Protein backbone atom coordinates (compact mmCIF):
# COMPACT_ATOMS: atom_id res chain seq x y z
CA MET A 1 -120.68 83.27 -63.66
CA SER A 2 -120.83 81.39 -66.96
CA SER A 3 -123.65 79.02 -67.81
CA PHE A 4 -121.10 76.18 -67.77
CA GLN A 5 -120.08 77.06 -64.21
CA LYS A 6 -123.76 77.09 -63.19
CA LEU A 7 -124.15 73.65 -64.74
CA VAL A 8 -121.06 72.40 -62.87
CA ARG A 9 -122.51 73.75 -59.61
CA LYS A 10 -125.74 71.87 -60.33
CA PHE A 11 -123.78 68.62 -60.67
CA LEU A 12 -121.81 69.33 -57.49
CA SER A 13 -125.00 69.97 -55.48
CA GLU A 14 -125.64 66.21 -55.69
CA PRO A 15 -129.30 66.20 -56.68
CA CYS A 16 -131.14 62.87 -56.34
CA LYS A 17 -131.51 62.73 -60.09
CA ILE A 18 -130.38 64.92 -62.95
CA ASP A 19 -131.77 65.18 -66.47
CA ILE A 20 -129.84 63.46 -69.29
CA ASP A 21 -130.06 66.71 -71.28
CA ASP A 22 -127.94 68.40 -68.59
CA VAL A 23 -125.39 65.59 -68.91
CA ARG A 24 -125.37 66.08 -72.69
CA ARG A 25 -124.83 69.85 -72.30
CA LEU A 26 -121.98 69.34 -69.82
CA LEU A 27 -120.20 66.72 -71.90
CA ASP A 28 -120.78 68.62 -75.13
CA TYR A 29 -119.08 71.66 -73.59
CA LEU A 30 -116.10 69.39 -72.78
CA ASP A 31 -115.96 68.13 -76.40
CA TYR A 32 -117.49 64.71 -75.77
CA THR A 33 -119.83 63.33 -78.43
CA GLU A 34 -122.64 60.88 -77.99
CA LYS A 35 -121.72 58.01 -80.29
CA LYS A 36 -124.24 55.35 -79.45
CA HIS A 37 -127.55 55.15 -77.70
CA ALA A 38 -128.05 51.55 -76.59
CA GLY A 39 -131.45 51.20 -74.95
CA SER A 40 -131.46 53.18 -71.72
CA GLU A 41 -127.72 53.88 -71.79
CA CYS A 42 -125.98 56.85 -73.41
CA ILE A 43 -122.30 56.53 -74.29
CA PHE A 44 -120.08 59.60 -74.70
CA HIS A 45 -116.66 59.59 -76.37
CA LYS A 46 -113.73 61.98 -76.55
CA LYS A 47 -110.47 61.31 -78.31
CA GLY A 48 -107.80 60.26 -75.82
CA CYS A 49 -110.29 59.63 -72.98
CA HIS A 50 -112.20 56.62 -71.75
CA PRO A 51 -115.85 56.53 -72.81
CA ILE A 52 -118.41 57.67 -70.29
CA ASN A 53 -121.44 55.39 -69.99
CA VAL A 54 -124.54 57.02 -68.54
CA PRO A 55 -127.52 54.75 -67.82
CA THR A 56 -130.85 56.54 -67.63
CA VAL A 57 -134.11 55.92 -65.80
CA LYS A 58 -137.03 55.94 -68.24
CA GLY A 59 -134.70 57.47 -70.84
CA LYS A 60 -134.66 60.83 -69.07
CA GLU A 61 -133.13 60.88 -65.58
CA VAL A 62 -129.63 59.99 -64.35
CA LYS A 63 -129.28 58.64 -60.81
CA ARG A 64 -127.09 60.34 -58.18
CA PHE A 65 -124.49 57.54 -58.31
CA TYR A 66 -123.81 58.21 -61.99
CA VAL A 67 -123.80 61.97 -61.46
CA LYS A 68 -121.12 61.49 -58.76
CA ARG A 69 -119.13 59.30 -61.13
CA ILE A 70 -119.26 62.00 -63.82
CA VAL A 71 -118.13 64.62 -61.28
CA GLU A 72 -115.17 62.46 -60.24
CA THR A 73 -114.22 61.37 -63.77
CA LEU A 74 -114.21 64.92 -65.10
CA GLY A 75 -112.69 66.52 -61.99
CA LEU A 76 -115.50 69.08 -61.75
CA GLU A 77 -114.66 70.06 -58.16
CA GLU A 78 -111.11 70.95 -59.19
CA TYR A 79 -112.40 72.78 -62.25
CA LEU A 80 -114.67 74.95 -60.14
CA GLU A 81 -111.94 75.66 -57.57
CA ASN A 82 -109.53 76.72 -60.33
CA ASN A 83 -112.09 78.91 -62.11
CA GLU A 84 -114.02 80.32 -59.13
CA GLY A 85 -113.15 83.99 -59.71
CA GLU A 86 -113.58 84.02 -63.48
CA ASN A 87 -116.52 85.77 -65.14
CA GLU A 88 -117.67 87.47 -61.93
CA GLY A 89 -118.39 90.68 -63.79
CA GLU A 90 -121.01 89.09 -66.05
């Protein structure tokens, strides 16, 4: 299983809070870039897509609600279903 798939599984496990660095890694893998950091909110952009705003708690953690929104926006459940068997030999 690839490190990206492990990260997707982490998001799908619905933790109470997730670290903003994990959000950055996930969105970076999907070619999003962090354009602006306004206070406690990170904003990620990708050409042809709506921006993704991610508020943080104390500049570090992302609440479950926003993690769920990221999962839905990016279609991570569908991604994992479609790529379940890949990289099993690693």
